[in-house]
Amino acid sequence: MTTAPPATMSESYTPAWAEKITGVSRAHIIRTAREFADNADKITVVR
């Protein structure tokens, strides 16, 4: 299945859009995004 990205950058890459191309449920995407946001101060990025 191929799903085109939003036509313009002003359109959002929504959980619904991602669900169609990944098979990951909207609810799981939203929950994971919230977990990252809630713990942003605890994340370490190493380069």
C-alpha atoms as a PDB file:
ATOM      1  CA  MET A   1       0.000   0.000   0.000  1.00  0.00           C
ATOM      2  CA  THR A   2       1.358   3.394  -0.897  1.00  0.00           C
ATOM      3  CA  THR A   3      -0.001   6.562   0.590  1.00  0.00           C
ATOM      4  CA  ALA A   4       1.226   9.871  -0.723  1.00  0.00           C
ATOM      5  CA  PRO A   5       2.574  12.351   1.792  1.00  0.00           C
ATOM      6  CA  PRO A   6       0.567  15.522   2.386  1.00  0.00           C
ATOM      7  CA  ALA A   7       0.494  17.728  -0.711  1.00  0.00           C
ATOM      8  CA  THR A   8       2.033  20.734   1.015  1.00  0.00           C
ATOM      9  CA  MET A   9       4.162  21.304   4.071  1.00  0.00           C
ATOM     10  CA  SER A  10       1.268  23.227   5.618  1.00  0.00           C
ATOM     11  CA  GLU A  11      -0.716  19.984   5.818  1.00  0.00           C
ATOM     12  CA  SER A  12      -0.074  17.889   8.893  1.00  0.00           C
ATOM     13  CA  TYR A  13       1.456  14.456   9.104  1.00  0.00           C
ATOM     14  CA  THR A  14      -1.327  13.295  11.397  1.00  0.00           C
ATOM     15  CA  PRO A  15      -1.600  10.074  13.375  1.00  0.00           C
ATOM     16  CA  ALA A  16      -4.400   9.069  10.982  1.00  0.00           C
ATOM     17  CA  TRP A  17      -2.086   9.572   7.994  1.00  0.00           C
ATOM     18  CA  ALA A  18       0.712   7.584   9.657  1.00  0.00           C
ATOM     19  CA  GLU A  19      -1.676   4.787  10.632  1.00  0.00           C
ATOM     20  CA  LYS A  20      -2.545   4.201   6.975  1.00  0.00           C
ATOM     21  CA  ILE A  21       1.059   3.671   5.912  1.00  0.00           C
ATOM     22  CA  THR A  22       2.476   1.959   9.006  1.00  0.00           C
ATOM     23  CA  GLY A  23      -0.339  -0.168  10.350  1.00  0.00           C
ATOM     24  CA  VAL A  24       0.313   1.289  13.812  1.00  0.00           C
ATOM     25  CA  SER A  25      -2.914   2.463  15.430  1.00  0.00           C
ATOM     26  CA  ARG A  26      -3.602   6.158  15.893  1.00  0.00           C
ATOM     27  CA  ALA A  27      -4.036   5.576  19.614  1.00  0.00           C
ATOM     28  CA  HIS A  28      -0.591   3.978  19.904  1.00  0.00           C
ATOM     29  CA  ILE A  29       1.049   6.788  17.907  1.00  0.00           C
ATOM     30  CA  ILE A  30      -0.616   9.430  20.078  1.00  0.00           C
ATOM     31  CA  ARG A  31       0.254   7.610  23.320  1.00  0.00           C
ATOM     32  CA  THR A  32       3.906   7.234  22.281  1.00  0.00           C
ATOM     33  CA  ALA A  33       4.161  10.893  21.234  1.00  0.00           C
ATOM     34  CA  ARG A  34       2.739  11.979  24.585  1.00  0.00           C
ATOM     35  CA  GLU A  35       5.199   9.748  26.449  1.00  0.00           C
ATOM     36  CA  PHE A  36       8.100  11.358  24.576  1.00  0.00           C
ATOM     37  CA  ALA A  37       6.733  14.850  25.251  1.00  0.00           C
ATOM     38  CA  ASP A  38       6.119  14.134  28.930  1.00  0.00           C
ATOM     39  CA  ASN A  39       9.673  12.827  29.349  1.00  0.00           C
ATOM     40  CA  ALA A  40      11.547  15.231  27.068  1.00  0.00           C
ATOM     41  CA  ASP A  41      13.634  16.540  29.954  1.00  0.00           C
ATOM     42  CA  LYS A  42      14.867  13.002  30.679  1.00  0.00           C
ATOM     43  CA  ILE A  43      16.033  12.104  27.173  1.00  0.00           C
ATOM     44  CA  THR A  44      19.743  12.065  26.363  1.00  0.00           C
ATOM     45  CA  VAL A  45      20.916  12.368  22.772  1.00  0.00           C
ATOM     46  CA  VAL A  46      24.427  11.103  22.046  1.00  0.00           C
ATOM     47  CA  ARG A  47      26.228  11.834  18.789  1.00  0.00           C
END
